[in-house]
N, C-alpha and C. Protein backbone atom coordinates (compact mmCIF):
# COMPACT_ATOMS: atom_id res chain seq x y z
N SER A 1 -33.01 -5.38 14.21
CA SER A 1 -31.83 -6.08 14.71
C SER A 1 -30.95 -5.09 15.49
N PRO A 2 -30.44 -5.48 16.67
CA PRO A 2 -29.62 -4.55 17.45
C PRO A 2 -28.29 -4.22 16.77
N ASP A 3 -27.81 -5.11 15.84
CA ASP A 3 -26.55 -4.85 15.17
C ASP A 3 -26.70 -3.98 13.93
N ALA A 4 -27.93 -3.77 13.47
CA ALA A 4 -28.13 -2.97 12.26
C ALA A 4 -27.95 -1.50 12.57
N PRO A 5 -27.40 -0.72 11.63
CA PRO A 5 -27.21 0.71 11.87
C PRO A 5 -28.55 1.42 12.00
N ARG A 6 -28.62 2.40 12.88
CA ARG A 6 -29.84 3.15 13.06
C ARG A 6 -30.11 4.04 11.85
N PRO A 7 -31.40 4.28 11.55
CA PRO A 7 -31.73 5.15 10.42
C PRO A 7 -31.10 6.53 10.60
N GLY A 8 -30.53 7.05 9.50
CA GLY A 8 -29.91 8.37 9.54
C GLY A 8 -28.48 8.37 10.01
N ARG A 9 -27.98 7.23 10.46
CA ARG A 9 -26.60 7.14 10.91
C ARG A 9 -25.79 6.31 9.92
N ARG A 10 -24.58 6.76 9.65
CA ARG A 10 -23.71 6.06 8.71
C ARG A 10 -22.98 4.92 9.39
N ASP A 11 -22.93 3.80 8.69
CA ASP A 11 -22.17 2.66 9.18
C ASP A 11 -20.72 2.82 8.73
N TRP A 12 -19.85 3.27 9.66
CA TRP A 12 -18.46 3.57 9.31
C TRP A 12 -17.66 2.33 8.98
N LEU A 13 -18.16 1.15 9.35
CA LEU A 13 -17.46 -0.09 9.05
C LEU A 13 -17.91 -0.70 7.73
N ALA A 14 -18.90 -0.11 7.09
CA ALA A 14 -19.39 -0.64 5.82
C ALA A 14 -18.36 -0.42 4.72
N PHE A 15 -18.24 -1.40 3.82
CA PHE A 15 -17.31 -1.31 2.70
C PHE A 15 -18.03 -0.64 1.55
N ASP A 16 -17.90 0.69 1.44
CA ASP A 16 -18.66 1.44 0.45
C ASP A 16 -17.79 1.80 -0.76
N ARG A 17 -18.34 2.66 -1.62
CA ARG A 17 -17.68 3.01 -2.88
C ARG A 17 -16.33 3.69 -2.65
N SER A 18 -16.27 4.60 -1.68
CA SER A 18 -15.00 5.28 -1.41
C SER A 18 -13.93 4.31 -0.93
N ASP A 19 -14.32 3.30 -0.15
CA ASP A 19 -13.36 2.28 0.28
C ASP A 19 -12.84 1.49 -0.91
N ARG A 20 -13.74 1.15 -1.82
CA ARG A 20 -13.32 0.39 -3.01
C ARG A 20 -12.35 1.21 -3.86
N ILE A 21 -12.65 2.49 -4.04
CA ILE A 21 -11.76 3.34 -4.82
C ILE A 21 -10.39 3.44 -4.15
N GLY A 22 -10.38 3.62 -2.84
CA GLY A 22 -9.11 3.71 -2.12
C GLY A 22 -8.31 2.42 -2.21
N LEU A 23 -9.00 1.28 -2.13
CA LEU A 23 -8.31 0.00 -2.21
C LEU A 23 -7.75 -0.24 -3.62
N VAL A 24 -8.52 0.14 -4.63
CA VAL A 24 -8.04 0.01 -6.00
C VAL A 24 -6.79 0.89 -6.20
N ALA A 25 -6.84 2.12 -5.71
CA ALA A 25 -5.68 3.01 -5.82
C ALA A 25 -4.47 2.42 -5.10
N LEU A 26 -4.69 1.80 -3.94
CA LEU A 26 -3.60 1.19 -3.20
C LEU A 26 -2.99 0.03 -3.97
N LEU A 27 -3.82 -0.81 -4.57
CA LEU A 27 -3.31 -1.95 -5.33
C LEU A 27 -2.52 -1.48 -6.55
N VAL A 28 -3.01 -0.44 -7.22
CA VAL A 28 -2.29 0.12 -8.37
C VAL A 28 -0.93 0.66 -7.92
N ALA A 29 -0.92 1.35 -6.76
CA ALA A 29 0.34 1.89 -6.24
C ALA A 29 1.32 0.77 -5.89
N VAL A 30 0.80 -0.34 -5.37
CA VAL A 30 1.66 -1.47 -5.03
C VAL A 30 2.32 -2.03 -6.29
N VAL A 31 1.54 -2.19 -7.36
CA VAL A 31 2.10 -2.72 -8.60
C VAL A 31 3.14 -1.76 -9.19
N LEU A 32 2.82 -0.46 -9.19
CA LEU A 32 3.76 0.52 -9.72
C LEU A 32 5.04 0.57 -8.89
N GLY A 33 4.89 0.52 -7.56
CA GLY A 33 6.07 0.50 -6.70
C GLY A 33 6.92 -0.74 -6.93
N GLY A 34 6.26 -1.91 -7.11
CA GLY A 34 7.02 -3.12 -7.41
C GLY A 34 7.72 -3.03 -8.75
N ALA A 35 7.07 -2.42 -9.74
CA ALA A 35 7.70 -2.27 -11.05
C ALA A 35 8.95 -1.39 -10.97
N VAL A 36 8.86 -0.33 -10.17
CA VAL A 36 10.02 0.56 -10.01
C VAL A 36 11.16 -0.17 -9.30
N ALA A 37 10.83 -0.88 -8.22
CA ALA A 37 11.87 -1.52 -7.41
C ALA A 37 12.49 -2.73 -8.11
N TRP A 38 11.67 -3.55 -8.77
CA TRP A 38 12.15 -4.82 -9.32
C TRP A 38 12.50 -4.78 -10.79
N LEU A 39 12.04 -3.75 -11.50
CA LEU A 39 12.29 -3.70 -12.93
C LEU A 39 13.02 -2.42 -13.35
N VAL A 40 12.42 -1.27 -13.06
CA VAL A 40 12.98 -0.01 -13.54
C VAL A 40 14.34 0.27 -12.93
N ALA A 41 14.46 0.15 -11.60
CA ALA A 41 15.73 0.46 -10.94
C ALA A 41 16.88 -0.43 -11.42
N PRO A 42 16.70 -1.77 -11.51
CA PRO A 42 17.81 -2.58 -12.03
C PRO A 42 18.17 -2.26 -13.48
N VAL A 43 17.15 -1.99 -14.32
CA VAL A 43 17.45 -1.68 -15.72
C VAL A 43 18.20 -0.35 -15.83
N VAL A 44 17.78 0.66 -15.05
CA VAL A 44 18.48 1.95 -15.06
C VAL A 44 19.91 1.78 -14.56
N SER A 45 20.10 0.99 -13.51
CA SER A 45 21.44 0.73 -13.00
C SER A 45 22.30 0.03 -14.04
N TRP A 46 21.69 -0.90 -14.77
CA TRP A 46 22.40 -1.60 -15.85
C TRP A 46 22.79 -0.63 -16.94
N ALA A 47 21.86 0.25 -17.33
CA ALA A 47 22.14 1.21 -18.40
C ALA A 47 23.25 2.19 -18.01
N ARG A 48 23.31 2.53 -16.73
CA ARG A 48 24.34 3.47 -16.27
C ARG A 48 25.68 2.80 -16.03
N GLY A 49 25.71 1.49 -16.04
CA GLY A 49 26.95 0.77 -15.77
C GLY A 49 27.36 0.80 -14.32
N ALA A 50 26.37 0.97 -13.42
CA ALA A 50 26.66 1.03 -11.98
C ALA A 50 27.06 -0.35 -11.46
N ALA A 51 27.72 -0.35 -10.32
CA ALA A 51 28.12 -1.61 -9.71
C ALA A 51 26.89 -2.39 -9.28
N LEU A 52 27.03 -3.71 -9.29
CA LEU A 52 25.94 -4.61 -8.91
C LEU A 52 26.11 -4.98 -7.45
N ALA A 53 25.10 -4.67 -6.62
CA ALA A 53 25.14 -4.98 -5.19
C ALA A 53 24.51 -6.35 -4.95
N VAL A 54 25.30 -7.27 -4.42
CA VAL A 54 24.82 -8.63 -4.17
C VAL A 54 24.84 -8.89 -2.65
N PRO A 55 23.69 -9.16 -2.03
CA PRO A 55 23.67 -9.45 -0.59
C PRO A 55 24.55 -10.66 -0.27
N PHE A 56 25.31 -10.56 0.81
CA PHE A 56 26.29 -11.57 1.14
C PHE A 56 26.38 -11.70 2.65
N THR A 57 26.54 -12.92 3.13
CA THR A 57 26.68 -13.18 4.56
C THR A 57 27.91 -14.04 4.79
N SER A 58 28.78 -13.60 5.69
CA SER A 58 30.00 -14.36 5.98
C SER A 58 30.47 -14.05 7.38
N ALA A 59 31.39 -14.86 7.87
CA ALA A 59 32.00 -14.60 9.16
C ALA A 59 32.95 -13.43 9.05
N VAL A 60 32.95 -12.56 10.05
CA VAL A 60 33.83 -11.40 10.08
C VAL A 60 34.65 -11.45 11.37
N GLU A 61 35.96 -11.43 11.23
CA GLU A 61 36.84 -11.48 12.40
C GLU A 61 37.09 -10.07 12.93
N VAL A 62 36.96 -9.95 14.24
CA VAL A 62 37.21 -8.67 14.91
C VAL A 62 38.28 -8.92 15.97
N PRO A 63 39.56 -8.74 15.61
CA PRO A 63 40.63 -9.07 16.56
C PRO A 63 40.51 -8.34 17.89
N GLY A 64 40.00 -7.10 17.88
CA GLY A 64 39.90 -6.35 19.12
C GLY A 64 38.93 -6.93 20.11
N LEU A 65 38.03 -7.81 19.65
CA LEU A 65 37.04 -8.41 20.54
C LEU A 65 37.43 -9.82 20.99
N ASP A 66 38.54 -10.31 20.49
CA ASP A 66 38.90 -11.70 20.81
C ASP A 66 39.11 -11.91 22.31
N GLY A 67 39.70 -10.93 22.98
CA GLY A 67 40.00 -11.11 24.39
C GLY A 67 38.94 -10.58 25.33
N THR A 68 37.82 -10.10 24.81
CA THR A 68 36.78 -9.52 25.67
C THR A 68 35.72 -10.51 26.08
N GLY A 69 35.67 -11.65 25.45
CA GLY A 69 34.64 -12.63 25.77
C GLY A 69 33.34 -12.39 25.05
N LEU A 70 33.28 -11.39 24.19
CA LEU A 70 32.06 -11.12 23.43
C LEU A 70 31.94 -12.07 22.26
N ARG A 71 30.72 -12.39 21.91
CA ARG A 71 30.46 -13.25 20.76
C ARG A 71 29.74 -12.45 19.69
N TRP A 72 30.00 -12.74 18.45
CA TRP A 72 29.32 -12.05 17.36
C TRP A 72 28.96 -13.07 16.29
N ARG A 73 27.94 -12.73 15.59
CA ARG A 73 27.47 -13.62 14.55
C ARG A 73 28.07 -13.23 13.20
N ALA A 74 27.67 -13.99 12.17
CA ALA A 74 28.10 -13.64 10.82
C ALA A 74 27.46 -12.32 10.42
N ALA A 75 28.19 -11.57 9.62
CA ALA A 75 27.72 -10.26 9.19
C ALA A 75 27.07 -10.36 7.82
N SER A 76 26.04 -9.53 7.60
CA SER A 76 25.37 -9.44 6.31
C SER A 76 25.65 -8.08 5.70
N TYR A 77 26.07 -8.07 4.47
CA TYR A 77 26.40 -6.81 3.79
C TYR A 77 26.29 -7.04 2.29
N ASP A 78 26.52 -6.01 1.51
CA ASP A 78 26.44 -6.09 0.05
C ASP A 78 27.84 -6.15 -0.55
N LEU A 79 28.04 -7.11 -1.44
CA LEU A 79 29.25 -7.15 -2.24
C LEU A 79 29.01 -6.36 -3.52
N LEU A 80 29.90 -5.46 -3.86
CA LEU A 80 29.76 -4.64 -5.06
C LEU A 80 30.58 -5.24 -6.20
N VAL A 81 29.89 -5.63 -7.25
CA VAL A 81 30.55 -6.16 -8.45
C VAL A 81 30.73 -4.99 -9.40
N ASP A 82 31.98 -4.56 -9.59
CA ASP A 82 32.25 -3.33 -10.34
C ASP A 82 31.89 -3.43 -11.81
N ASP A 83 32.20 -4.53 -12.45
CA ASP A 83 31.95 -4.66 -13.89
C ASP A 83 31.20 -5.96 -14.15
N PRO A 84 29.92 -6.02 -13.78
CA PRO A 84 29.17 -7.27 -13.93
C PRO A 84 28.94 -7.61 -15.40
N SER A 85 28.92 -8.89 -15.67
CA SER A 85 28.65 -9.35 -17.03
C SER A 85 27.14 -9.33 -17.29
N THR A 86 26.77 -9.54 -18.55
CA THR A 86 25.35 -9.59 -18.90
C THR A 86 24.66 -10.74 -18.16
N ARG A 87 25.35 -11.86 -18.03
CA ARG A 87 24.77 -13.00 -17.29
C ARG A 87 24.49 -12.62 -15.85
N GLN A 88 25.42 -11.95 -15.20
CA GLN A 88 25.23 -11.54 -13.82
C GLN A 88 24.09 -10.53 -13.68
N ARG A 89 23.99 -9.62 -14.64
CA ARG A 89 22.88 -8.66 -14.62
C ARG A 89 21.54 -9.38 -14.74
N LEU A 90 21.46 -10.34 -15.63
CA LEU A 90 20.21 -11.06 -15.83
C LEU A 90 19.85 -11.90 -14.60
N LEU A 91 20.86 -12.52 -14.00
CA LEU A 91 20.61 -13.30 -12.78
C LEU A 91 20.10 -12.41 -11.65
N ASP A 92 20.57 -11.17 -11.61
CA ASP A 92 20.09 -10.23 -10.60
C ASP A 92 18.68 -9.74 -10.92
N LEU A 93 18.33 -9.66 -12.20
CA LEU A 93 17.04 -9.10 -12.62
C LEU A 93 15.90 -10.11 -12.56
N LEU A 94 16.17 -11.38 -12.88
CA LEU A 94 15.12 -12.37 -13.05
C LEU A 94 14.26 -12.59 -11.80
N PRO A 95 14.83 -12.72 -10.60
CA PRO A 95 13.96 -12.91 -9.43
C PRO A 95 12.98 -11.76 -9.22
N GLY A 96 13.43 -10.53 -9.46
CA GLY A 96 12.53 -9.39 -9.32
C GLY A 96 11.36 -9.46 -10.29
N LEU A 97 11.62 -9.95 -11.51
CA LEU A 97 10.53 -10.12 -12.47
C LEU A 97 9.53 -11.16 -11.98
N GLY A 98 10.03 -12.21 -11.31
CA GLY A 98 9.13 -13.20 -10.73
C GLY A 98 8.26 -12.62 -9.65
N TYR A 99 8.88 -11.84 -8.74
CA TYR A 99 8.10 -11.18 -7.69
C TYR A 99 7.07 -10.24 -8.29
N LEU A 100 7.47 -9.47 -9.30
CA LEU A 100 6.57 -8.51 -9.92
C LEU A 100 5.39 -9.22 -10.58
N ALA A 101 5.65 -10.35 -11.24
CA ALA A 101 4.56 -11.10 -11.87
C ALA A 101 3.56 -11.59 -10.83
N ILE A 102 4.06 -12.07 -9.70
CA ILE A 102 3.16 -12.55 -8.65
C ILE A 102 2.33 -11.41 -8.08
N VAL A 103 2.97 -10.28 -7.79
CA VAL A 103 2.26 -9.14 -7.22
C VAL A 103 1.22 -8.61 -8.21
N ALA A 104 1.58 -8.50 -9.48
CA ALA A 104 0.64 -7.99 -10.48
C ALA A 104 -0.55 -8.93 -10.64
N ALA A 105 -0.29 -10.24 -10.69
CA ALA A 105 -1.38 -11.20 -10.83
C ALA A 105 -2.29 -11.18 -9.59
N ALA A 106 -1.68 -11.10 -8.40
CA ALA A 106 -2.47 -11.07 -7.17
C ALA A 106 -3.35 -9.81 -7.12
N CYS A 107 -2.79 -8.67 -7.49
CA CYS A 107 -3.57 -7.43 -7.47
C CYS A 107 -4.70 -7.47 -8.51
N TRP A 108 -4.44 -8.06 -9.66
CA TRP A 108 -5.48 -8.18 -10.68
C TRP A 108 -6.63 -9.05 -10.17
N LEU A 109 -6.32 -10.17 -9.52
CA LEU A 109 -7.36 -11.04 -8.97
C LEU A 109 -8.15 -10.30 -7.88
N LEU A 110 -7.45 -9.55 -7.04
CA LEU A 110 -8.15 -8.79 -6.00
C LEU A 110 -9.06 -7.73 -6.60
N LEU A 111 -8.62 -7.08 -7.68
CA LEU A 111 -9.45 -6.09 -8.33
C LEU A 111 -10.73 -6.72 -8.88
N ARG A 112 -10.63 -7.91 -9.42
CA ARG A 112 -11.82 -8.59 -9.92
C ARG A 112 -12.78 -8.94 -8.79
N ILE A 113 -12.23 -9.37 -7.66
CA ILE A 113 -13.07 -9.70 -6.51
C ILE A 113 -13.73 -8.43 -5.97
N ILE A 114 -12.97 -7.34 -5.90
CA ILE A 114 -13.52 -6.07 -5.44
C ILE A 114 -14.67 -5.62 -6.34
N GLY A 115 -14.54 -5.86 -7.65
CA GLY A 115 -15.61 -5.50 -8.57
C GLY A 115 -16.90 -6.24 -8.26
N ASP A 116 -16.79 -7.53 -7.94
CA ASP A 116 -17.98 -8.30 -7.59
C ASP A 116 -18.57 -7.83 -6.27
N ILE A 117 -17.71 -7.48 -5.32
CA ILE A 117 -18.21 -6.96 -4.05
C ILE A 117 -18.96 -5.65 -4.27
N GLY A 118 -18.43 -4.80 -5.18
CA GLY A 118 -19.11 -3.55 -5.49
C GLY A 118 -20.47 -3.77 -6.11
N ARG A 119 -20.64 -4.88 -6.82
CA ARG A 119 -21.94 -5.22 -7.41
C ARG A 119 -22.80 -6.02 -6.44
N GLU A 120 -22.34 -6.10 -5.18
CA GLU A 120 -23.05 -6.82 -4.12
C GLU A 120 -23.27 -8.29 -4.49
N ASP A 121 -22.26 -8.87 -5.10
CA ASP A 121 -22.31 -10.29 -5.48
C ASP A 121 -20.95 -10.92 -5.18
N PRO A 122 -20.63 -11.07 -3.88
CA PRO A 122 -19.27 -11.55 -3.53
C PRO A 122 -19.09 -13.06 -3.62
N PHE A 123 -20.17 -13.83 -3.83
CA PHE A 123 -20.06 -15.28 -3.73
C PHE A 123 -20.27 -16.05 -5.04
N PRO A 124 -19.96 -15.48 -6.20
CA PRO A 124 -20.06 -16.30 -7.41
C PRO A 124 -18.95 -17.36 -7.43
N PRO A 125 -19.16 -18.47 -8.13
CA PRO A 125 -18.15 -19.54 -8.14
C PRO A 125 -16.78 -19.08 -8.62
N HIS A 126 -16.74 -18.11 -9.57
CA HIS A 126 -15.42 -17.72 -10.06
C HIS A 126 -14.58 -17.01 -9.00
N ASN A 127 -15.22 -16.44 -7.98
CA ASN A 127 -14.43 -15.84 -6.90
C ASN A 127 -13.75 -16.89 -6.04
N VAL A 128 -14.36 -18.06 -5.94
CA VAL A 128 -13.70 -19.16 -5.24
C VAL A 128 -12.42 -19.54 -5.98
N ARG A 129 -12.51 -19.61 -7.31
CA ARG A 129 -11.32 -19.93 -8.10
C ARG A 129 -10.27 -18.84 -7.97
N ARG A 130 -10.70 -17.58 -7.95
CA ARG A 130 -9.75 -16.49 -7.82
C ARG A 130 -9.03 -16.54 -6.47
N LEU A 131 -9.76 -16.82 -5.42
CA LEU A 131 -9.13 -16.92 -4.10
C LEU A 131 -8.17 -18.09 -4.04
N ARG A 132 -8.52 -19.18 -4.67
CA ARG A 132 -7.61 -20.33 -4.69
C ARG A 132 -6.34 -20.00 -5.48
N MET A 133 -6.49 -19.25 -6.57
CA MET A 133 -5.32 -18.83 -7.33
C MET A 133 -4.44 -17.90 -6.50
N LEU A 134 -5.07 -16.98 -5.75
CA LEU A 134 -4.30 -16.11 -4.86
C LEU A 134 -3.55 -16.92 -3.82
N ALA A 135 -4.23 -17.91 -3.25
CA ALA A 135 -3.59 -18.76 -2.25
C ALA A 135 -2.39 -19.48 -2.85
N GLY A 136 -2.55 -19.99 -4.08
CA GLY A 136 -1.44 -20.68 -4.73
C GLY A 136 -0.26 -19.76 -5.02
N LEU A 137 -0.56 -18.52 -5.44
CA LEU A 137 0.51 -17.57 -5.72
C LEU A 137 1.34 -17.29 -4.48
N LEU A 138 0.66 -17.15 -3.32
CA LEU A 138 1.38 -16.81 -2.09
C LEU A 138 2.03 -18.03 -1.45
N ALA A 139 1.27 -19.13 -1.35
CA ALA A 139 1.77 -20.30 -0.62
C ALA A 139 2.81 -21.10 -1.41
N PHE A 140 2.75 -21.03 -2.75
CA PHE A 140 3.68 -21.83 -3.56
C PHE A 140 4.53 -20.95 -4.48
N GLY A 141 3.90 -19.99 -5.17
CA GLY A 141 4.65 -19.17 -6.11
C GLY A 141 5.72 -18.33 -5.45
N TRP A 142 5.38 -17.65 -4.34
CA TRP A 142 6.35 -16.78 -3.69
C TRP A 142 7.56 -17.55 -3.16
N PRO A 143 7.38 -18.70 -2.46
CA PRO A 143 8.56 -19.45 -2.02
C PRO A 143 9.43 -19.93 -3.19
N VAL A 144 8.81 -20.30 -4.32
CA VAL A 144 9.60 -20.74 -5.48
C VAL A 144 10.51 -19.61 -5.96
N VAL A 145 9.94 -18.40 -6.08
CA VAL A 145 10.77 -17.26 -6.52
C VAL A 145 11.80 -16.92 -5.45
N PHE A 146 11.42 -17.06 -4.18
CA PHE A 146 12.34 -16.78 -3.07
C PHE A 146 13.59 -17.65 -3.16
N PHE A 147 13.39 -18.95 -3.38
CA PHE A 147 14.54 -19.84 -3.49
C PHE A 147 15.26 -19.67 -4.82
N ALA A 148 14.54 -19.28 -5.86
CA ALA A 148 15.20 -18.97 -7.13
C ALA A 148 16.11 -17.76 -6.98
N GLU A 149 15.67 -16.78 -6.17
CA GLU A 149 16.51 -15.61 -5.92
C GLU A 149 17.81 -16.01 -5.22
N ALA A 150 17.70 -16.89 -4.21
CA ALA A 150 18.90 -17.35 -3.51
C ALA A 150 19.83 -18.11 -4.46
N THR A 151 19.25 -18.89 -5.37
CA THR A 151 20.05 -19.62 -6.35
C THR A 151 20.77 -18.68 -7.30
N CYS A 152 20.06 -17.64 -7.74
CA CYS A 152 20.68 -16.66 -8.65
C CYS A 152 21.82 -15.92 -7.96
N ARG A 153 21.62 -15.56 -6.70
CA ARG A 153 22.69 -14.88 -5.97
C ARG A 153 23.91 -15.78 -5.83
N PHE A 154 23.68 -17.05 -5.54
CA PHE A 154 24.80 -17.98 -5.41
C PHE A 154 25.53 -18.12 -6.75
N ALA A 155 24.77 -18.14 -7.87
CA ALA A 155 25.39 -18.24 -9.18
C ALA A 155 26.24 -17.02 -9.49
N ILE A 156 25.80 -15.84 -9.04
CA ILE A 156 26.60 -14.63 -9.24
C ILE A 156 27.88 -14.70 -8.42
N LEU A 157 27.77 -15.17 -7.19
CA LEU A 157 28.93 -15.21 -6.30
C LEU A 157 29.97 -16.23 -6.75
N THR A 158 29.54 -17.29 -7.43
CA THR A 158 30.51 -18.32 -7.84
C THR A 158 31.52 -17.78 -8.84
N GLY A 159 31.20 -16.70 -9.52
CA GLY A 159 32.13 -16.14 -10.48
C GLY A 159 33.02 -15.06 -9.91
N LEU A 160 32.97 -14.84 -8.59
CA LEU A 160 33.74 -13.76 -7.97
C LEU A 160 34.92 -14.32 -7.17
N ASP A 161 35.96 -13.53 -7.08
CA ASP A 161 37.10 -13.88 -6.25
C ASP A 161 36.84 -13.33 -4.85
N LEU A 162 36.43 -14.23 -3.94
CA LEU A 162 36.06 -13.81 -2.59
C LEU A 162 37.22 -13.89 -1.61
N GLY A 163 38.37 -14.31 -2.07
CA GLY A 163 39.52 -14.40 -1.17
C GLY A 163 39.27 -15.40 -0.05
N ASP A 164 39.47 -14.96 1.19
CA ASP A 164 39.28 -15.84 2.34
C ASP A 164 37.84 -15.84 2.85
N LEU A 165 36.98 -15.06 2.23
CA LEU A 165 35.59 -15.00 2.69
C LEU A 165 34.84 -16.26 2.28
N GLY A 166 34.21 -16.87 3.25
CA GLY A 166 33.39 -18.04 2.96
C GLY A 166 31.94 -17.72 3.22
N PRO A 167 31.07 -17.86 2.22
CA PRO A 167 29.66 -17.53 2.42
C PRO A 167 29.00 -18.45 3.43
N ARG A 168 28.16 -17.87 4.26
CA ARG A 168 27.37 -18.63 5.21
C ARG A 168 26.01 -18.90 4.59
N THR A 169 25.57 -20.13 4.65
CA THR A 169 24.27 -20.49 4.11
C THR A 169 23.31 -20.78 5.26
N SER A 170 22.07 -20.36 5.09
CA SER A 170 21.04 -20.63 6.09
C SER A 170 19.73 -20.89 5.39
N PHE A 171 18.93 -21.78 5.96
CA PHE A 171 17.65 -22.13 5.37
C PHE A 171 16.57 -21.23 5.96
N THR A 172 15.94 -20.44 5.11
CA THR A 172 14.87 -19.57 5.56
C THR A 172 13.65 -19.80 4.67
N LEU A 173 12.51 -19.39 5.18
CA LEU A 173 11.26 -19.57 4.47
C LEU A 173 10.40 -18.34 4.70
N PRO A 174 9.77 -17.79 3.65
CA PRO A 174 8.87 -16.64 3.84
C PRO A 174 7.59 -17.08 4.54
N VAL A 175 7.68 -17.24 5.85
CA VAL A 175 6.60 -17.86 6.62
C VAL A 175 5.32 -17.04 6.54
N LEU A 176 5.42 -15.71 6.70
CA LEU A 176 4.21 -14.88 6.71
C LEU A 176 3.46 -14.97 5.39
N VAL A 177 4.20 -15.00 4.29
CA VAL A 177 3.54 -15.10 2.98
C VAL A 177 2.84 -16.44 2.84
N VAL A 178 3.49 -17.52 3.28
CA VAL A 178 2.87 -18.85 3.20
C VAL A 178 1.62 -18.91 4.08
N VAL A 179 1.70 -18.34 5.28
CA VAL A 179 0.53 -18.33 6.17
C VAL A 179 -0.62 -17.54 5.53
N ALA A 180 -0.29 -16.41 4.89
CA ALA A 180 -1.32 -15.63 4.20
C ALA A 180 -1.96 -16.46 3.09
N GLY A 181 -1.16 -17.25 2.38
CA GLY A 181 -1.71 -18.11 1.33
C GLY A 181 -2.64 -19.16 1.89
N VAL A 182 -2.27 -19.76 3.03
CA VAL A 182 -3.13 -20.75 3.67
C VAL A 182 -4.44 -20.10 4.13
N ALA A 183 -4.34 -18.88 4.68
CA ALA A 183 -5.55 -18.18 5.12
C ALA A 183 -6.47 -17.90 3.95
N LEU A 184 -5.92 -17.53 2.80
CA LEU A 184 -6.73 -17.30 1.62
C LEU A 184 -7.38 -18.59 1.13
N ALA A 185 -6.67 -19.70 1.24
CA ALA A 185 -7.25 -20.98 0.86
C ALA A 185 -8.46 -21.31 1.74
N LEU A 186 -8.35 -21.04 3.04
CA LEU A 186 -9.49 -21.25 3.94
C LEU A 186 -10.63 -20.30 3.61
N LEU A 187 -10.28 -19.06 3.26
CA LEU A 187 -11.31 -18.09 2.88
C LEU A 187 -12.02 -18.53 1.61
N ALA A 188 -11.29 -19.15 0.69
CA ALA A 188 -11.91 -19.67 -0.53
C ALA A 188 -12.95 -20.73 -0.20
N GLU A 189 -12.66 -21.57 0.79
CA GLU A 189 -13.64 -22.58 1.19
C GLU A 189 -14.87 -21.92 1.81
N ALA A 190 -14.66 -20.82 2.55
CA ALA A 190 -15.81 -20.10 3.12
C ALA A 190 -16.66 -19.50 2.00
N PHE A 191 -15.99 -18.95 0.98
CA PHE A 191 -16.73 -18.41 -0.17
C PHE A 191 -17.48 -19.52 -0.90
N LYS A 192 -16.88 -20.70 -0.97
CA LYS A 192 -17.55 -21.83 -1.62
C LYS A 192 -18.82 -22.20 -0.87
N ALA A 193 -18.73 -22.21 0.47
CA ALA A 193 -19.92 -22.49 1.27
C ALA A 193 -20.97 -21.40 1.10
N GLY A 194 -20.54 -20.14 1.04
CA GLY A 194 -21.48 -19.04 0.83
C GLY A 194 -22.15 -19.13 -0.53
N SER A 195 -21.40 -19.53 -1.56
CA SER A 195 -21.97 -19.69 -2.89
C SER A 195 -23.00 -20.82 -2.91
N ARG A 196 -22.69 -21.93 -2.23
CA ARG A 196 -23.63 -23.05 -2.17
C ARG A 196 -24.90 -22.65 -1.41
N LEU A 197 -24.73 -21.89 -0.33
CA LEU A 197 -25.88 -21.45 0.44
C LEU A 197 -26.75 -20.52 -0.38
N ARG A 198 -26.13 -19.62 -1.14
CA ARG A 198 -26.91 -18.71 -1.99
C ARG A 198 -27.70 -19.47 -3.04
N ASP A 199 -27.06 -20.48 -3.65
CA ASP A 199 -27.76 -21.29 -4.66
C ASP A 199 -28.94 -22.01 -4.04
N ASP A 200 -28.76 -22.53 -2.80
CA ASP A 200 -29.86 -23.22 -2.12
C ASP A 200 -31.02 -22.30 -1.85
N VAL A 201 -30.72 -21.07 -1.41
CA VAL A 201 -31.77 -20.10 -1.12
C VAL A 201 -32.51 -19.71 -2.39
N GLU A 202 -31.75 -19.47 -3.48
CA GLU A 202 -32.39 -19.13 -4.74
C GLU A 202 -33.25 -20.28 -5.26
N GLY A 203 -32.82 -21.52 -4.98
CA GLY A 203 -33.62 -22.68 -5.40
C GLY A 203 -34.93 -22.76 -4.65
N LEU A 204 -34.91 -22.38 -3.38
CA LEU A 204 -36.14 -22.39 -2.59
C LEU A 204 -37.11 -21.31 -3.04
N VAL A 205 -36.51 -20.16 -3.44
CA VAL A 205 -37.37 -19.05 -3.90
C VAL A 205 -37.94 -19.39 -5.29
């Protein structure tokens, strides 16, 4: 075959053992990084009694620009809550735990799929289920936590004296994550077809 690697030459695009080890190390690093960002850092900040930073968006008046004809949008910045209550701390912590659970579950499923690929058996039926679970985590689980995070932030802000500041609300959606979930769902169907084809071939043999 003209596409097959020549004898004695290495196929640099082949997914070999070193690639699997590197990918496993990367997934482990992703989970550890998520644990530090979403769990360890907030807990350490809570233990130290540090101020709670809450992302906030509102209109900001700039009197010096009123007569220049320039237009500006609402500004995004962090509101610092000096003495947050336990409820406010928990509301800040819970969304991160949701993100961490999704990332950890997704990495675990990927590790299982990588194991089957290493055994040169990428099309067993359980990999179809794993890919579908990955698709569900990204396409549905991530947006749920995303909107839960916005709800928790709003609940924290309702207990603050914001003075004349009025929060600006906007509807956003983690589009790239949802698209990745849809792509994984399509890949699951491709794996299902590959599994069916393998079964047919084995039946003929």
